[in-house]
Amino acid sequence: YRKGGFVANAVVNIGRAVPSFGLIILFWFLAA
């Protein structure tokens, strides 16, 4: 539908800027 692709793509790609190890530690603290 050519809708919201730029915004959605930008939001999802934030994950590329976050180190994977940092994500693991962050979610570990939240789970704890």
All heavy atoms as atom14 arrays in JSON, in Angstrom:
{
  "sequence": "YRKGGFVANAVVNIGRAVPSFGLIILFWFLAA",
  "atom14_mask": [
    [1, 1, 1, 1, 1, 1, 1, 1, 1, 1, 1, 1, 0, 0],
    [1, 1, 1, 1, 1, 1, 1, 1, 1, 1, 1, 0, 0, 0],
    [1, 1, 1, 1, 1, 1, 1, 1, 1, 0, 0, 0, 0, 0],
    [1, 1, 1, 1, 0, 0, 0, 0, 0, 0, 0, 0, 0, 0],
    [1, 1, 1, 1, 0, 0, 0, 0, 0, 0, 0, 0, 0, 0],
    [1, 1, 1, 1, 1, 1, 1, 1, 1, 1, 1, 0, 0, 0],
    [1, 1, 1, 1, 1, 1, 1, 0, 0, 0, 0, 0, 0, 0],
    [1, 1, 1, 1, 1, 0, 0, 0, 0, 0, 0, 0, 0, 0],
    [1, 1, 1, 1, 1, 1, 1, 1, 0, 0, 0, 0, 0, 0],
    [1, 1, 1, 1, 1, 0, 0, 0, 0, 0, 0, 0, 0, 0],
    [1, 1, 1, 1, 1, 1, 1, 0, 0, 0, 0, 0, 0, 0],
    [1, 1, 1, 1, 1, 1, 1, 0, 0, 0, 0, 0, 0, 0],
    [1, 1, 1, 1, 1, 1, 1, 1, 0, 0, 0, 0, 0, 0],
    [1, 1, 1, 1, 1, 1, 1, 1, 0, 0, 0, 0, 0, 0],
    [1, 1, 1, 1, 0, 0, 0, 0, 0, 0, 0, 0, 0, 0],
    [1, 1, 1, 1, 1, 1, 1, 1, 1, 1, 1, 0, 0, 0],
    [1, 1, 1, 1, 1, 0, 0, 0, 0, 0, 0, 0, 0, 0],
    [1, 1, 1, 1, 1, 1, 1, 0, 0, 0, 0, 0, 0, 0],
    [1, 1, 1, 1, 1, 1, 1, 0, 0, 0, 0, 0, 0, 0],
    [1, 1, 1, 1, 1, 1, 0, 0, 0, 0, 0, 0, 0, 0],
    [1, 1, 1, 1, 1, 1, 1, 1, 1, 1, 1, 0, 0, 0],
    [1, 1, 1, 1, 0, 0, 0, 0, 0, 0, 0, 0, 0, 0],
    [1, 1, 1, 1, 1, 1, 1, 1, 0, 0, 0, 0, 0, 0],
    [1, 1, 1, 1, 1, 1, 1, 1, 0, 0, 0, 0, 0, 0],
    [1, 1, 1, 1, 1, 1, 1, 1, 0, 0, 0, 0, 0, 0],
    [1, 1, 1, 1, 1, 1, 1, 1, 0, 0, 0, 0, 0, 0],
    [1, 1, 1, 1, 1, 1, 1, 1, 1, 1, 1, 0, 0, 0],
    [1, 1, 1, 1, 1, 1, 1, 1, 1, 1, 1, 1, 1, 1],
    [1, 1, 1, 1, 1, 1, 1, 1, 1, 1, 1, 0, 0, 0],
    [1, 1, 1, 1, 1, 1, 1, 1, 0, 0, 0, 0, 0, 0],
    [1, 1, 1, 1, 1, 0, 0, 0, 0, 0, 0, 0, 0, 0],
    [1, 1, 1, 1, 1, 0, 0, 0, 0, 0, 0, 0, 0, 0]
  ],
  "atom14_positions": [
    [[0.8, -1.22, 0.0], [0.0, 0.0, 0.0], [0.84, 1.27, 0.0], [0.28, 2.37, -0.03], [-0.95, 0.01, 1.2], [-2.07, -1.0, 1.07], [-2.07, -2.17, 1.8], [-3.12, -0.77, 0.19], [-3.09, -3.1, 1.69], [-4.16, -1.69, 0.06], [-4.13, -2.85, 0.81], [-5.15, -3.77, 0.68], [0.0, 0.0, 0.0], [0.0, 0.0, 0.0]],
    [[2.17, 1.1, 0.02], [3.08, 2.26, 0.01], [2.73, 3.23, 1.14], [2.69, 4.44, 0.96], [3.02, 3.0, -1.32], [3.22, 2.15, -2.57], [4.59, 1.47, -2.6], [4.96, 1.0, -3.91], [4.78, -0.25, -4.35], [4.22, -1.15, -3.57], [5.17, -0.6, -5.56], [0.0, 0.0, 0.0], [0.0, 0.0, 0.0], [0.0, 0.0, 0.0]],
    [[2.51, 2.68, 2.34], [2.14, 3.5, 3.49], [3.13, 3.32, 4.64], [3.41, 2.19, 5.03], [0.73, 3.12, 3.99], [-0.39, 3.5, 3.05], [-1.74, 3.17, 3.66], [-2.88, 3.59, 2.75], [-4.21, 3.28, 3.34], [0.0, 0.0, 0.0], [0.0, 0.0, 0.0], [0.0, 0.0, 0.0], [0.0, 0.0, 0.0], [0.0, 0.0, 0.0]],
    [[3.59, 4.42, 5.16], [4.39, 4.41, 6.38], [5.68, 3.65, 6.3], [6.27, 3.33, 7.34], [0.0, 0.0, 0.0], [0.0, 0.0, 0.0], [0.0, 0.0, 0.0], [0.0, 0.0, 0.0], [0.0, 0.0, 0.0], [0.0, 0.0, 0.0], [0.0, 0.0, 0.0], [0.0, 0.0, 0.0], [0.0, 0.0, 0.0], [0.0, 0.0, 0.0]],
    [[6.15, 3.34, 5.11], [7.35, 2.54, 4.99], [8.57, 3.21, 5.56], [9.38, 2.58, 6.25], [0.0, 0.0, 0.0], [0.0, 0.0, 0.0], [0.0, 0.0, 0.0], [0.0, 0.0, 0.0], [0.0, 0.0, 0.0], [0.0, 0.0, 0.0], [0.0, 0.0, 0.0], [0.0, 0.0, 0.0], [0.0, 0.0, 0.0], [0.0, 0.0, 0.0]],
    [[8.73, 4.5, 5.3], [9.92, 5.21, 5.76], [9.97, 5.23, 7.29], [11.0, 4.95, 7.89], [9.93, 6.63, 5.21], [11.07, 7.46, 5.73], [12.35, 7.32, 5.2], [10.87, 8.37, 6.76], [13.4, 8.07, 5.69], [11.92, 9.13, 7.24], [13.19, 8.98, 6.71], [0.0, 0.0, 0.0], [0.0, 0.0, 0.0], [0.0, 0.0, 0.0]],
    [[8.83, 5.55, 7.91], [8.8, 5.63, 9.38], [9.04, 4.26, 9.99], [9.86, 4.1, 10.91], [7.45, 6.2, 9.85], [7.37, 6.17, 11.37], [7.26, 7.61, 9.33], [0.0, 0.0, 0.0], [0.0, 0.0, 0.0], [0.0, 0.0, 0.0], [0.0, 0.0, 0.0], [0.0, 0.0, 0.0], [0.0, 0.0, 0.0], [0.0, 0.0, 0.0]],
    [[8.34, 3.25, 9.48], [8.49, 1.9, 10.03], [9.9, 1.38, 9.84], [10.48, 0.77, 10.74], [7.49, 0.95, 9.36], [0.0, 0.0, 0.0], [0.0, 0.0, 0.0], [0.0, 0.0, 0.0], [0.0, 0.0, 0.0], [0.0, 0.0, 0.0], [0.0, 0.0, 0.0], [0.0, 0.0, 0.0], [0.0, 0.0, 0.0], [0.0, 0.0, 0.0]],
    [[10.47, 1.65, 8.67], [11.83, 1.21, 8.4], [12.83, 1.88, 9.34], [13.76, 1.26, 9.85], [12.2, 1.51, 6.95], [13.33, 0.64, 6.45], [13.52, -0.47, 6.91], [14.07, 1.14, 5.48], [0.0, 0.0, 0.0], [0.0, 0.0, 0.0], [0.0, 0.0, 0.0], [0.0, 0.0, 0.0], [0.0, 0.0, 0.0], [0.0, 0.0, 0.0]],
    [[12.62, 3.17, 9.58], [13.52, 3.91, 10.48], [13.43, 3.37, 11.9], [14.45, 3.21, 12.58], [13.17, 5.39, 10.46], [0.0, 0.0, 0.0], [0.0, 0.0, 0.0], [0.0, 0.0, 0.0], [0.0, 0.0, 0.0], [0.0, 0.0, 0.0], [0.0, 0.0, 0.0], [0.0, 0.0, 0.0], [0.0, 0.0, 0.0], [0.0, 0.0, 0.0]],
    [[12.21, 3.06, 12.34], [12.03, 2.56, 13.71], [12.69, 1.19, 13.87], [13.42, 0.93, 14.84], [10.53, 2.47, 14.06], [10.33, 1.74, 15.38], [9.93, 3.86, 14.12], [0.0, 0.0, 0.0], [0.0, 0.0, 0.0], [0.0, 0.0, 0.0], [0.0, 0.0, 0.0], [0.0, 0.0, 0.0], [0.0, 0.0, 0.0], [0.0, 0.0, 0.0]],
    [[12.46, 0.29, 12.91], [13.02, -1.05, 13.01], [14.54, -1.0, 12.94], [15.24, -1.74, 13.63], [12.46, -1.95, 11.9], [13.16, -3.3, 11.9], [10.96, -2.15, 12.11], [0.0, 0.0, 0.0], [0.0, 0.0, 0.0], [0.0, 0.0, 0.0], [0.0, 0.0, 0.0], [0.0, 0.0, 0.0], [0.0, 0.0, 0.0], [0.0, 0.0, 0.0]],
    [[15.08, -0.12, 12.12], [16.53, -0.06, 11.94], [17.27, 0.55, 13.12], [18.5, 0.57, 13.14], [16.87, 0.73, 10.67], [16.82, -0.16, 9.44], [17.61, -1.08, 9.3], [15.89, 0.12, 8.56], [0.0, 0.0, 0.0], [0.0, 0.0, 0.0], [0.0, 0.0, 0.0], [0.0, 0.0, 0.0], [0.0, 0.0, 0.0], [0.0, 0.0, 0.0]],
    [[16.52, 1.07, 14.1], [17.17, 1.53, 15.33], [17.95, 0.37, 15.96], [19.0, 0.55, 16.57], [16.13, 2.09, 16.32], [15.55, 3.41, 15.79], [16.75, 2.31, 17.7], [14.44, 3.97, 16.63], [0.0, 0.0, 0.0], [0.0, 0.0, 0.0], [0.0, 0.0, 0.0], [0.0, 0.0, 0.0], [0.0, 0.0, 0.0], [0.0, 0.0, 0.0]],
    [[17.42, -0.84, 15.76], [18.09, -2.02, 16.31], [19.5, -2.21, 15.8], [20.34, -2.81, 16.47], [0.0, 0.0, 0.0], [0.0, 0.0, 0.0], [0.0, 0.0, 0.0], [0.0, 0.0, 0.0], [0.0, 0.0, 0.0], [0.0, 0.0, 0.0], [0.0, 0.0, 0.0], [0.0, 0.0, 0.0], [0.0, 0.0, 0.0], [0.0, 0.0, 0.0]],
    [[19.79, -1.69, 14.59], [21.13, -1.84, 14.03], [22.15, -0.96, 14.77], [23.34, -1.21, 14.7], [21.12, -1.48, 12.55], [20.37, -2.5, 11.7], [20.36, -2.1, 10.25], [19.78, -3.16, 9.43], [19.53, -3.04, 8.13], [19.81, -1.91, 7.51], [19.01, -4.04, 7.46], [0.0, 0.0, 0.0], [0.0, 0.0, 0.0], [0.0, 0.0, 0.0]],
    [[21.66, 0.08, 15.44], [22.57, 0.99, 16.14], [22.81, 0.58, 17.58], [23.67, 1.14, 18.25], [22.01, 2.41, 16.1], [0.0, 0.0, 0.0], [0.0, 0.0, 0.0], [0.0, 0.0, 0.0], [0.0, 0.0, 0.0], [0.0, 0.0, 0.0], [0.0, 0.0, 0.0], [0.0, 0.0, 0.0], [0.0, 0.0, 0.0], [0.0, 0.0, 0.0]],
    [[22.06, -0.42, 18.05], [22.18, -0.86, 19.44], [22.99, -2.15, 19.49], [22.63, -3.12, 18.82], [20.79, -1.08, 20.07], [20.93, -1.55, 21.52], [19.96, 0.18, 19.99], [0.0, 0.0, 0.0], [0.0, 0.0, 0.0], [0.0, 0.0, 0.0], [0.0, 0.0, 0.0], [0.0, 0.0, 0.0], [0.0, 0.0, 0.0], [0.0, 0.0, 0.0]],
    [[24.08, -2.19, 20.25], [24.88, -3.43, 20.34], [24.05, -4.59, 20.87], [23.25, -4.42, 21.8], [26.0, -3.05, 21.31], [26.04, -1.56, 21.31], [24.64, -1.11, 21.06], [0.0, 0.0, 0.0], [0.0, 0.0, 0.0], [0.0, 0.0, 0.0], [0.0, 0.0, 0.0], [0.0, 0.0, 0.0], [0.0, 0.0, 0.0], [0.0, 0.0, 0.0]],
    [[24.23, -5.77, 20.29], [23.45, -6.92, 20.7], [23.7, -7.28, 22.17], [22.77, -7.65, 22.89], [23.78, -8.12, 19.8], [25.18, -8.37, 19.79], [0.0, 0.0, 0.0], [0.0, 0.0, 0.0], [0.0, 0.0, 0.0], [0.0, 0.0, 0.0], [0.0, 0.0, 0.0], [0.0, 0.0, 0.0], [0.0, 0.0, 0.0], [0.0, 0.0, 0.0]],
    [[24.95, -7.15, 22.61], [25.25, -7.47, 24.01], [24.53, -6.49, 24.94], [24.04, -6.88, 26.0], [26.76, -7.41, 24.25], [27.16, -7.8, 25.65], [27.06, -9.12, 26.06], [27.62, -6.86, 26.55], [27.4, -9.5, 27.35], [27.98, -7.22, 27.84], [27.87, -8.54, 28.24], [0.0, 0.0, 0.0], [0.0, 0.0, 0.0], [0.0, 0.0, 0.0]],
    [[24.44, -5.23, 24.52], [23.71, -4.24, 25.32], [22.24, -4.59, 25.43], [21.63, -4.42, 26.5], [0.0, 0.0, 0.0], [0.0, 0.0, 0.0], [0.0, 0.0, 0.0], [0.0, 0.0, 0.0], [0.0, 0.0, 0.0], [0.0, 0.0, 0.0], [0.0, 0.0, 0.0], [0.0, 0.0, 0.0], [0.0, 0.0, 0.0], [0.0, 0.0, 0.0]],
    [[21.65, -5.08, 24.34], [20.25, -5.5, 24.38], [20.05, -6.66, 25.35], [19.08, -6.68, 26.12], [19.79, -5.92, 22.98], [19.48, -4.82, 21.96], [19.16, -5.44, 20.61], [18.33, -3.95, 22.44], [0.0, 0.0, 0.0], [0.0, 0.0, 0.0], [0.0, 0.0, 0.0], [0.0, 0.0, 0.0], [0.0, 0.0, 0.0], [0.0, 0.0, 0.0]],
    [[20.96, -7.62, 25.31], [20.84, -8.78, 26.2], [20.88, -8.33, 27.66], [20.05, -8.77, 28.48], [21.96, -9.79, 25.92], [21.8, -10.39, 24.52], [21.97, -10.9, 26.97], [22.98, -11.23, 24.07], [0.0, 0.0, 0.0], [0.0, 0.0, 0.0], [0.0, 0.0, 0.0], [0.0, 0.0, 0.0], [0.0, 0.0, 0.0], [0.0, 0.0, 0.0]],
    [[21.82, -7.48, 27.99], [21.94, -7.0, 29.37], [20.72, -6.19, 29.78], [20.19, -6.33, 30.89], [23.23, -6.17, 29.54], [24.46, -7.04, 29.27], [23.3, -5.56, 30.94], [24.58, -8.25, 30.16], [0.0, 0.0, 0.0], [0.0, 0.0, 0.0], [0.0, 0.0, 0.0], [0.0, 0.0, 0.0], [0.0, 0.0, 0.0], [0.0, 0.0, 0.0]],
    [[20.24, -5.32, 28.87], [19.06, -4.51, 29.17], [17.86, -5.38, 29.48], [17.18, -5.18, 30.5], [18.76, -3.58, 27.99], [17.43, -2.81, 28.06], [17.44, -1.85, 29.26], [17.18, -2.04, 26.76], [0.0, 0.0, 0.0], [0.0, 0.0, 0.0], [0.0, 0.0, 0.0], [0.0, 0.0, 0.0], [0.0, 0.0, 0.0], [0.0, 0.0, 0.0]],
    [[17.59, -6.35, 28.62], [16.43, -7.22, 28.84], [16.63, -8.12, 30.05], [15.65, -8.51, 30.69], [16.15, -8.04, 27.58], [15.66, -7.22, 26.41], [16.23, -7.35, 25.15], [14.63, -6.31, 26.58], [15.78, -6.6, 24.09], [14.17, -5.55, 25.52], [14.75, -5.69, 24.26], [0.0, 0.0, 0.0], [0.0, 0.0, 0.0], [0.0, 0.0, 0.0]],
    [[17.88, -8.45, 30.37], [18.14, -9.24, 31.56], [17.74, -8.46, 32.82], [17.09, -8.99, 33.72], [19.61, -9.64, 31.64], [19.91, -10.56, 32.79], [19.85, -11.91, 32.81], [20.29, -10.16, 34.12], [20.16, -12.4, 34.05], [20.45, -11.35, 34.88], [20.52, -8.94, 34.74], [20.82, -11.33, 36.22], [20.89, -8.91, 36.08], [21.03, -10.11, 36.8]],
    [[18.13, -7.19, 32.87], [17.77, -6.36, 34.04], [16.25, -6.18, 34.13], [15.68, -6.21, 35.23], [18.46, -4.99, 33.95], [19.84, -4.99, 34.53], [20.95, -4.89, 33.72], [20.04, -5.08, 35.9], [22.23, -4.9, 34.26], [21.32, -5.08, 36.45], [22.42, -4.99, 35.62], [0.0, 0.0, 0.0], [0.0, 0.0, 0.0], [0.0, 0.0, 0.0]],
    [[15.59, -6.0, 32.99], [14.13, -5.86, 33.01], [13.46, -7.15, 33.48], [12.51, -7.12, 34.26], [13.63, -5.48, 31.6], [14.02, -4.09, 31.1], [13.56, -3.9, 29.67], [13.42, -3.01, 32.01], [0.0, 0.0, 0.0], [0.0, 0.0, 0.0], [0.0, 0.0, 0.0], [0.0, 0.0, 0.0], [0.0, 0.0, 0.0], [0.0, 0.0, 0.0]],
    [[13.99, -8.29, 33.0], [13.42, -9.58, 33.42], [13.63, -9.8, 34.92], [12.74, -10.31, 35.61], [14.06, -10.71, 32.62], [0.0, 0.0, 0.0], [0.0, 0.0, 0.0], [0.0, 0.0, 0.0], [0.0, 0.0, 0.0], [0.0, 0.0, 0.0], [0.0, 0.0, 0.0], [0.0, 0.0, 0.0], [0.0, 0.0, 0.0], [0.0, 0.0, 0.0]],
    [[14.8, -9.42, 35.41], [15.08, -9.57, 36.84], [14.15, -8.67, 37.66], [13.66, -9.07, 38.73], [16.54, -9.23, 37.13], [0.0, 0.0, 0.0], [0.0, 0.0, 0.0], [0.0, 0.0, 0.0], [0.0, 0.0, 0.0], [0.0, 0.0, 0.0], [0.0, 0.0, 0.0], [0.0, 0.0, 0.0], [0.0, 0.0, 0.0], [0.0, 0.0, 0.0]]
  ]
}
